[in-house]
């Protein structure tokens, strides 16, 4: 039995809603910890975040390839930025090789990390800081950890000042998770293939996340695709069209 493009778009929404709901569930205890420890030690944040995210990185066939909290120096004593971030088990990773247990992201072992000094300008931080809402960055090649196409979902983490007014709330970091595009294909491709016409899942810039049209590869811009079905609550659309041309 074939599916329609709106049904496929709804399937996309369900996957991303699951991740957003998980980020919201992690954010609550993190904000409670910040409220009780406005200038915490890095190890205190690390322990709390590890307890939250590690079980989800080691479950059978995990959707998330990495997760954690990135905090600015306002709440982590003695740091400009602190990554409390873990990667799940990896197969044949160019950086870490094959791993069977979660790995803590250690920036001291990574090359090309100078760009993180201005982390507030990076999309996964800048957009939540501007909108105060969750955001999806990508698809992009993650040269820091996975060396593969990923989508990064981030949600602002807030702290309240000495007063209780709403305008005294400020963003002090993000809670986030990475989803590998290859893992997303495993989750969604069968639904896409149930539609007789070729389909492409694209972000708001028209960049391809996954496609059933062989000429459209991840990261390319889809062109000459007319019909579009929005994926509610996400920046994505499902495009329907004939065999299409594409350009980078």
C-alpha atoms as a PDB file:
ATOM      1  CA  UNK A   1       0.000   0.000   0.000  1.00  0.00           C
ATOM      2  CA  UNK A   2       1.505   3.301  -1.079  1.00  0.00           C
ATOM      3  CA  UNK A   3       1.720   6.417   1.058  1.00  0.00           C
ATOM      4  CA  UNK A   4       1.177  10.088   0.290  1.00  0.00           C
ATOM      5  CA  UNK A   5       3.633  12.953   0.689  1.00  0.00           C
ATOM      6  CA  UNK A   6       1.648  14.370   3.654  1.00  0.00           C
ATOM      7  CA  UNK A   7       1.926  10.998   5.425  1.00  0.00           C
ATOM      8  CA  UNK A   8       5.682  10.973   4.852  1.00  0.00           C
ATOM      9  CA  UNK A   9       5.938  14.551   6.147  1.00  0.00           C
ATOM     10  CA  UNK A  10       4.061  13.472   9.276  1.00  0.00           C
ATOM     11  CA  UNK A  11       6.564  10.634   9.763  1.00  0.00           C
ATOM     12  CA  UNK A  12       9.417  13.165   9.596  1.00  0.00           C
ATOM     13  CA  UNK A  13       7.654  15.335  12.169  1.00  0.00           C
ATOM     14  CA  UNK A  14       7.265  12.380  14.543  1.00  0.00           C
ATOM     15  CA  UNK A  15      10.990  11.582  14.449  1.00  0.00           C
ATOM     16  CA  UNK A  16      12.082  15.133  15.176  1.00  0.00           C
ATOM     17  CA  UNK A  17       9.377  15.687  17.778  1.00  0.00           C
ATOM     18  CA  UNK A  18      10.787  12.697  19.658  1.00  0.00           C
ATOM     19  CA  UNK A  19      14.224  14.326  19.769  1.00  0.00           C
ATOM     20  CA  UNK A  20      12.889  17.767  20.698  1.00  0.00           C
ATOM     21  CA  UNK A  21      10.848  16.219  23.515  1.00  0.00           C
ATOM     22  CA  UNK A  22      13.979  14.493  24.772  1.00  0.00           C
ATOM     23  CA  UNK A  23      15.942  17.746  24.752  1.00  0.00           C
ATOM     24  CA  UNK A  24      13.162  19.432  26.725  1.00  0.00           C
ATOM     25  CA  UNK A  25      13.208  16.600  29.261  1.00  0.00           C
ATOM     26  CA  UNK A  26      16.975  16.995  29.705  1.00  0.00           C
ATOM     27  CA  UNK A  27      16.778  20.776  29.924  1.00  0.00           C
ATOM     28  CA  UNK A  28      14.540  20.825  32.996  1.00  0.00           C
ATOM     29  CA  UNK A  29      16.976  19.154  35.437  1.00  0.00           C
ATOM     30  CA  UNK A  30      19.913  21.086  33.957  1.00  0.00           C
ATOM     31  CA  UNK A  31      18.158  24.401  34.590  1.00  0.00           C
ATOM     32  CA  UNK A  32      17.291  23.244  38.096  1.00  0.00           C
ATOM     33  CA  UNK A  33      20.961  22.449  38.725  1.00  0.00           C
ATOM     34  CA  UNK A  34      21.986  25.889  37.449  1.00  0.00           C
ATOM     35  CA  UNK A  35      19.441  27.541  39.741  1.00  0.00           C
ATOM     36  CA  UNK A  36      21.016  25.823  42.750  1.00  0.00           C
ATOM     37  CA  UNK A  37      24.643  26.246  41.574  1.00  0.00           C
ATOM     38  CA  UNK A  38      24.924  29.484  39.566  1.00  0.00           C
ATOM     39  CA  UNK A  39      28.729  29.055  39.225  1.00  0.00           C
ATOM     40  CA  UNK A  40      29.251  25.325  39.186  1.00  0.00           C
ATOM     41  CA  UNK A  41      32.455  23.359  38.703  1.00  0.00           C
ATOM     42  CA  UNK A  42      32.808  21.681  35.294  1.00  0.00           C
ATOM     43  CA  UNK A  43      32.782  18.233  36.884  1.00  0.00           C
ATOM     44  CA  UNK A  44      29.421  18.955  38.486  1.00  0.00           C
ATOM     45  CA  UNK A  45      27.829  19.766  35.147  1.00  0.00           C
ATOM     46  CA  UNK A  46      29.553  16.815  33.467  1.00  0.00           C
ATOM     47  CA  UNK A  47      28.201  14.343  35.994  1.00  0.00           C
ATOM     48  CA  UNK A  48      24.646  15.621  35.700  1.00  0.00           C
ATOM     49  CA  UNK A  49      24.686  15.630  31.896  1.00  0.00           C
ATOM     50  CA  UNK A  50      26.272  12.180  31.672  1.00  0.00           C
ATOM     51  CA  UNK A  51      23.534  10.704  33.854  1.00  0.00           C
ATOM     52  CA  UNK A  52      20.940  12.141  31.475  1.00  0.00           C
ATOM     53  CA  UNK A  53      22.362  11.411  28.018  1.00  0.00           C
ATOM     54  CA  UNK A  54      24.449   8.250  28.290  1.00  0.00           C
ATOM     55  CA  UNK A  55      21.518   5.834  28.623  1.00  0.00           C
ATOM     56  CA  UNK A  56      20.153   7.112  25.302  1.00  0.00           C
ATOM     57  CA  UNK A  57      23.481   6.685  23.500  1.00  0.00           C
ATOM     58  CA  UNK A  58      23.861   3.017  24.439  1.00  0.00           C
ATOM     59  CA  UNK A  59      20.308   1.794  23.824  1.00  0.00           C
ATOM     60  CA  UNK A  60      19.735  -0.686  21.005  1.00  0.00           C
ATOM     61  CA  UNK A  61      19.955   1.020  17.607  1.00  0.00           C
ATOM     62  CA  UNK A  62      20.116   4.559  19.058  1.00  0.00           C
ATOM     63  CA  UNK A  63      18.784   7.438  17.004  1.00  0.00           C
ATOM     64  CA  UNK A  64      21.303   9.854  18.542  1.00  0.00           C
ATOM     65  CA  UNK A  65      24.990   9.699  17.681  1.00  0.00           C
ATOM     66  CA  UNK A  66      25.947  12.338  20.266  1.00  0.00           C
ATOM     67  CA  UNK A  67      24.356  14.525  22.924  1.00  0.00           C
ATOM     68  CA  UNK A  68      25.093  16.876  25.785  1.00  0.00           C
ATOM     69  CA  UNK A  69      25.223  20.467  26.965  1.00  0.00           C
ATOM     70  CA  UNK A  70      27.408  23.328  25.777  1.00  0.00           C
ATOM     71  CA  UNK A  71      27.623  26.006  28.450  1.00  0.00           C
ATOM     72  CA  UNK A  72      29.145  29.450  28.357  1.00  0.00           C
ATOM     73  CA  UNK A  73      31.522  30.746  31.007  1.00  0.00           C
ATOM     74  CA  UNK A  74      28.779  32.506  32.918  1.00  0.00           C
ATOM     75  CA  UNK A  75      27.817  29.303  34.723  1.00  0.00           C
ATOM     76  CA  UNK A  76      30.950  27.144  34.476  1.00  0.00           C
ATOM     77  CA  UNK A  77      33.669  28.434  36.737  1.00  0.00           C
ATOM     78  CA  UNK A  78      36.946  29.292  35.032  1.00  0.00           C
ATOM     79  CA  UNK A  79      35.872  28.467  31.473  1.00  0.00           C
ATOM     80  CA  UNK A  80      34.953  30.513  28.408  1.00  0.00           C
ATOM     81  CA  UNK A  81      32.924  27.584  27.072  1.00  0.00           C
ATOM     82  CA  UNK A  82      32.481  24.065  28.345  1.00  0.00           C
ATOM     83  CA  UNK A  83      31.451  21.023  26.303  1.00  0.00           C
ATOM     84  CA  UNK A  84      29.715  18.385  28.414  1.00  0.00           C
ATOM     85  CA  UNK A  85      29.218  16.244  25.323  1.00  0.00           C
ATOM     86  CA  UNK A  86      29.389  12.523  24.612  1.00  0.00           C
ATOM     87  CA  UNK A  87      29.466  10.419  21.445  1.00  0.00           C
ATOM     88  CA  UNK A  88      27.780   7.051  21.274  1.00  0.00           C
ATOM     89  CA  UNK A  89      29.553   3.883  20.081  1.00  0.00           C
ATOM     90  CA  UNK A  90      30.988   4.340  16.598  1.00  0.00           C
ATOM     91  CA  UNK A  91      31.999   2.015  13.770  1.00  0.00           C
ATOM     92  CA  UNK A  92      35.192   2.717  11.822  1.00  0.00           C
ATOM     93  CA  UNK A  93      35.299   6.375  12.806  1.00  0.00           C
ATOM     94  CA  UNK A  94      38.224   8.249  11.172  1.00  0.00           C
ATOM     95  CA  UNK A  95      38.975  10.078  14.428  1.00  0.00           C
ATOM     96  CA  UNK A  96      38.271   7.497  17.137  1.00  0.00           C
ATOM     97  CA  UNK A  97      38.282   4.215  15.247  1.00  0.00           C
ATOM     98  CA  UNK A  98      35.644   1.716  16.353  1.00  0.00           C
ATOM     99  CA  UNK A  99      34.290   2.207  19.855  1.00  0.00           C
ATOM    100  CA  UNK A 100      31.926   0.074  21.905  1.00  0.00           C
ATOM    101  CA  UNK A 101      31.251   2.573  24.702  1.00  0.00           C
ATOM    102  CA  UNK A 102      30.328   6.278  24.760  1.00  0.00           C
ATOM    103  CA  UNK A 103      33.260   8.659  24.362  1.00  0.00           C
ATOM    104  CA  UNK A 104      33.590  12.046  25.989  1.00  0.00           C
ATOM    105  CA  UNK A 105      34.330  14.844  23.519  1.00  0.00           C
ATOM    106  CA  UNK A 106      37.834  16.047  24.355  1.00  0.00           C
ATOM    107  CA  UNK A 107      38.636  19.175  22.371  1.00  0.00           C
ATOM    108  CA  UNK A 108      42.317  18.943  23.287  1.00  0.00           C
ATOM    109  CA  UNK A 109      42.597  15.879  21.035  1.00  0.00           C
ATOM    110  CA  UNK A 110      40.852  17.468  18.061  1.00  0.00           C
ATOM    111  CA  UNK A 111      42.471  19.582  15.377  1.00  0.00           C
ATOM    112  CA  UNK A 112      40.848  22.626  13.806  1.00  0.00           C
ATOM    113  CA  UNK A 113      38.952  23.677  16.937  1.00  0.00           C
ATOM    114  CA  UNK A 114      39.892  27.364  16.866  1.00  0.00           C
ATOM    115  CA  UNK A 115      36.501  28.217  15.376  1.00  0.00           C
ATOM    116  CA  UNK A 116      34.885  27.133  18.653  1.00  0.00           C
ATOM    117  CA  UNK A 117      36.408  30.131  20.402  1.00  0.00           C
ATOM    118  CA  UNK A 118      33.624  32.177  18.809  1.00  0.00           C
ATOM    119  CA  UNK A 119      30.991  29.517  19.490  1.00  0.00           C
ATOM    120  CA  UNK A 120      28.245  32.118  20.030  1.00  0.00           C
ATOM    121  CA  UNK A 121      28.414  32.935  16.304  1.00  0.00           C
ATOM    122  CA  UNK A 122      27.866  29.320  15.243  1.00  0.00           C
ATOM    123  CA  UNK A 123      24.397  28.471  13.957  1.00  0.00           C
ATOM    124  CA  UNK A 124      23.587  25.774  16.549  1.00  0.00           C
ATOM    125  CA  UNK A 125      24.110  28.394  19.294  1.00  0.00           C
ATOM    126  CA  UNK A 126      23.322  31.691  17.575  1.00  0.00           C
ATOM    127  CA  UNK A 127      19.811  30.818  16.351  1.00  0.00           C
ATOM    128  CA  UNK A 128      18.502  29.522  19.706  1.00  0.00           C
ATOM    129  CA  UNK A 129      20.048  32.599  21.352  1.00  0.00           C
ATOM    130  CA  UNK A 130      18.195  34.867  18.927  1.00  0.00           C
ATOM    131  CA  UNK A 131      14.832  33.096  18.783  1.00  0.00           C
ATOM    132  CA  UNK A 132      14.744  31.485  22.259  1.00  0.00           C
ATOM    133  CA  UNK A 133      13.464  28.382  20.467  1.00  0.00           C
ATOM    134  CA  UNK A 134      14.858  25.018  19.423  1.00  0.00           C
ATOM    135  CA  UNK A 135      16.744  24.833  16.136  1.00  0.00           C
ATOM    136  CA  UNK A 136      18.052  22.257  13.653  1.00  0.00           C
ATOM    137  CA  UNK A 137      21.419  22.881  12.006  1.00  0.00           C
ATOM    138  CA  UNK A 138      22.361  20.948   8.898  1.00  0.00           C
ATOM    139  CA  UNK A 139      22.820  18.735   7.136  1.00  0.00           C
ATOM    140  CA  UNK A 140      26.559  19.382   7.385  1.00  0.00           C
ATOM    141  CA  UNK A 141      29.722  17.306   7.615  1.00  0.00           C
ATOM    142  CA  UNK A 142      30.826  17.067  11.239  1.00  0.00           C
ATOM    143  CA  UNK A 143      34.609  17.380  10.994  1.00  0.00           C
ATOM    144  CA  UNK A 144      34.929  17.564  14.783  1.00  0.00           C
ATOM    145  CA  UNK A 145      33.659  14.094  15.706  1.00  0.00           C
ATOM    146  CA  UNK A 146      31.854  11.842  13.250  1.00  0.00           C
ATOM    147  CA  UNK A 147      33.328  12.961   9.901  1.00  0.00           C
ATOM    148  CA  UNK A 148      29.906  12.282   8.410  1.00  0.00           C
ATOM    149  CA  UNK A 149      26.739  14.187   7.543  1.00  0.00           C
ATOM    150  CA  UNK A 150      24.737  15.037  10.640  1.00  0.00           C
ATOM    151  CA  UNK A 151      21.886  17.199  11.865  1.00  0.00           C
ATOM    152  CA  UNK A 152      22.384  19.028  15.160  1.00  0.00           C
ATOM    153  CA  UNK A 153      19.302  19.818  17.230  1.00  0.00           C
ATOM    154  CA  UNK A 154      19.772  22.423  19.965  1.00  0.00           C
ATOM    155  CA  UNK A 155      17.524  24.045  22.544  1.00  0.00           C
ATOM    156  CA  UNK A 156      18.383  27.039  24.762  1.00  0.00           C
ATOM    157  CA  UNK A 157      19.233  26.504  28.422  1.00  0.00           C
ATOM    158  CA  UNK A 158      18.237  29.438  30.630  1.00  0.00           C
ATOM    159  CA  UNK A 159      19.194  30.786  34.024  1.00  0.00           C
ATOM    160  CA  UNK A 160      17.275  33.279  36.109  1.00  0.00           C
ATOM    161  CA  UNK A 161      18.941  36.221  37.812  1.00  0.00           C
ATOM    162  CA  UNK A 162      18.446  37.390  41.348  1.00  0.00           C
ATOM    163  CA  UNK A 163      14.995  38.757  40.521  1.00  0.00           C
ATOM    164  CA  UNK A 164      11.995  36.704  39.525  1.00  0.00           C
ATOM    165  CA  UNK A 165      10.903  38.757  36.527  1.00  0.00           C
ATOM    166  CA  UNK A 166      10.633  37.007  33.182  1.00  0.00           C
ATOM    167  CA  UNK A 167      12.947  39.548  31.564  1.00  0.00           C
ATOM    168  CA  UNK A 168      15.692  38.533  34.010  1.00  0.00           C
ATOM    169  CA  UNK A 169      15.964  35.139  32.314  1.00  0.00           C
ATOM    170  CA  UNK A 170      19.060  34.726  30.140  1.00  0.00           C
ATOM    171  CA  UNK A 171      20.444  32.002  27.912  1.00  0.00           C
ATOM    172  CA  UNK A 172      23.577  30.368  29.310  1.00  0.00           C
ATOM    173  CA  UNK A 173      24.031  27.466  26.921  1.00  0.00           C
ATOM    174  CA  UNK A 174      22.302  24.863  24.805  1.00  0.00           C
ATOM    175  CA  UNK A 175      21.269  21.280  25.288  1.00  0.00           C
ATOM    176  CA  UNK A 176      21.630  19.360  22.061  1.00  0.00           C
ATOM    177  CA  UNK A 177      21.832  16.110  20.158  1.00  0.00           C
ATOM    178  CA  UNK A 178      23.315  14.956  16.862  1.00  0.00           C
ATOM    179  CA  UNK A 179      21.474  12.662  14.463  1.00  0.00           C
ATOM    180  CA  UNK A 180      23.494  11.060  11.674  1.00  0.00           C
ATOM    181  CA  UNK A 181      21.863  11.430   8.265  1.00  0.00           C
ATOM    182  CA  UNK A 182      22.581   7.745   7.584  1.00  0.00           C
ATOM    183  CA  UNK A 183      20.687   6.827  10.752  1.00  0.00           C
ATOM    184  CA  UNK A 184      17.823   9.108   9.722  1.00  0.00           C
ATOM    185  CA  UNK A 185      17.686   7.331   6.372  1.00  0.00           C
ATOM    186  CA  UNK A 186      17.324   4.032   8.225  1.00  0.00           C
ATOM    187  CA  UNK A 187      14.415   5.551  10.155  1.00  0.00           C
ATOM    188  CA  UNK A 188      12.572   7.186   7.241  1.00  0.00           C
ATOM    189  CA  UNK A 189      13.654   5.836   3.871  1.00  0.00           C
ATOM    190  CA  UNK A 190      11.118   3.001   3.754  1.00  0.00           C
ATOM    191  CA  UNK A 191       8.294   5.537   4.146  1.00  0.00           C
ATOM    192  CA  UNK A 192       9.767   7.676   1.360  1.00  0.00           C
ATOM    193  CA  UNK A 193      10.014   4.643  -0.919  1.00  0.00           C
ATOM    194  CA  UNK A 194       6.335   3.859  -0.370  1.00  0.00           C
ATOM    195  CA  UNK A 195       5.447   6.932  -2.444  1.00  0.00           C
ATOM    196  CA  UNK A 196       5.402   6.243  -6.224  1.00  0.00           C
ATOM    197  CA  UNK A 197       6.885   9.638  -7.116  1.00  0.00           C
ATOM    198  CA  UNK A 198      10.454  10.612  -6.233  1.00  0.00           C
ATOM    199  CA  UNK A 199      10.713  12.500  -2.941  1.00  0.00           C
ATOM    200  CA  UNK A 200      13.369  14.629  -1.271  1.00  0.00           C
ATOM    201  CA  UNK A 201      13.551  15.844   2.308  1.00  0.00           C
ATOM    202  CA  UNK A 202      15.127  19.296   2.314  1.00  0.00           C
ATOM    203  CA  UNK A 203      15.892  21.960   4.905  1.00  0.00           C
ATOM    204  CA  UNK A 204      14.670  25.546   4.710  1.00  0.00           C
ATOM    205  CA  UNK A 205      17.450  26.403   2.254  1.00  0.00           C
ATOM    206  CA  UNK A 206      16.433  23.576  -0.074  1.00  0.00           C
ATOM    207  CA  UNK A 207      19.458  21.473   0.849  1.00  0.00           C
ATOM    208  CA  UNK A 208      18.848  17.731   0.590  1.00  0.00           C
ATOM    209  CA  UNK A 209      18.779  15.602   3.734  1.00  0.00           C
ATOM    210  CA  UNK A 210      17.620  12.406   2.039  1.00  0.00           C
ATOM    211  CA  UNK A 211      16.097  11.558  -1.323  1.00  0.00           C
ATOM    212  CA  UNK A 212      14.694   8.708  -3.386  1.00  0.00           C
ATOM    213  CA  UNK A 213      15.996  10.369  -6.560  1.00  0.00           C
ATOM    214  CA  UNK A 214      19.507   8.960  -7.218  1.00  0.00           C
ATOM    215  CA  UNK A 215      20.773  12.214  -8.750  1.00  0.00           C
ATOM    216  CA  UNK A 216      20.026  14.127  -5.537  1.00  0.00           C
ATOM    217  CA  UNK A 217      22.718  13.557  -2.937  1.00  0.00           C
ATOM    218  CA  UNK A 218      22.914  14.735   0.668  1.00  0.00           C
ATOM    219  CA  UNK A 219      23.942  18.384   0.873  1.00  0.00           C
ATOM    220  CA  UNK A 220      22.947  19.298  -2.670  1.00  0.00           C
ATOM    221  CA  UNK A 221      20.317  21.924  -3.477  1.00  0.00           C
ATOM    222  CA  UNK A 222      17.115  20.510  -4.974  1.00  0.00           C
ATOM    223  CA  UNK A 223      15.893  22.454  -7.994  1.00  0.00           C
ATOM    224  CA  UNK A 224      12.894  22.130 -10.310  1.00  0.00           C
ATOM    225  CA  UNK A 225      10.794  20.361  -7.678  1.00  0.00           C
ATOM    226  CA  UNK A 226       7.399  22.025  -7.512  1.00  0.00           C
ATOM    227  CA  UNK A 227       5.178  20.453  -4.847  1.00  0.00           C
ATOM    228  CA  UNK A 228       6.248  20.822  -1.214  1.00  0.00           C
ATOM    229  CA  UNK A 229       4.776  19.394   1.989  1.00  0.00           C
ATOM    230  CA  UNK A 230       5.919  21.075   5.233  1.00  0.00           C
ATOM    231  CA  UNK A 231       6.970  18.880   8.133  1.00  0.00           C
ATOM    232  CA  UNK A 232       5.164  20.557  11.016  1.00  0.00           C
ATOM    233  CA  UNK A 233       7.346  21.784  13.864  1.00  0.00           C
ATOM    234  CA  UNK A 234      10.570  21.385  11.863  1.00  0.00           C
ATOM    235  CA  UNK A 235      12.457  23.434   9.248  1.00  0.00           C
ATOM    236  CA  UNK A 236      12.034  20.613   6.719  1.00  0.00           C
ATOM    237  CA  UNK A 237       9.838  20.070   3.673  1.00  0.00           C
ATOM    238  CA  UNK A 238       9.119  16.980   1.612  1.00  0.00           C
ATOM    239  CA  UNK A 239       9.455  17.820  -2.087  1.00  0.00           C
ATOM    240  CA  UNK A 240       7.716  15.801  -4.774  1.00  0.00           C
ATOM    241  CA  UNK A 241       8.711  15.883  -8.386  1.00  0.00           C
ATOM    242  CA  UNK A 242       9.891  14.121 -11.528  1.00  0.00           C
ATOM    243  CA  UNK A 243      13.487  13.032 -11.991  1.00  0.00           C
ATOM    244  CA  UNK A 244      15.167  16.296 -11.056  1.00  0.00           C
ATOM    245  CA  UNK A 245      18.373  18.074 -11.757  1.00  0.00           C
ATOM    246  CA  UNK A 246      20.430  19.343  -8.865  1.00  0.00           C
ATOM    247  CA  UNK A 247      23.261  21.744  -8.273  1.00  0.00           C
ATOM    248  CA  UNK A 248      25.669  22.194  -5.420  1.00  0.00           C
END
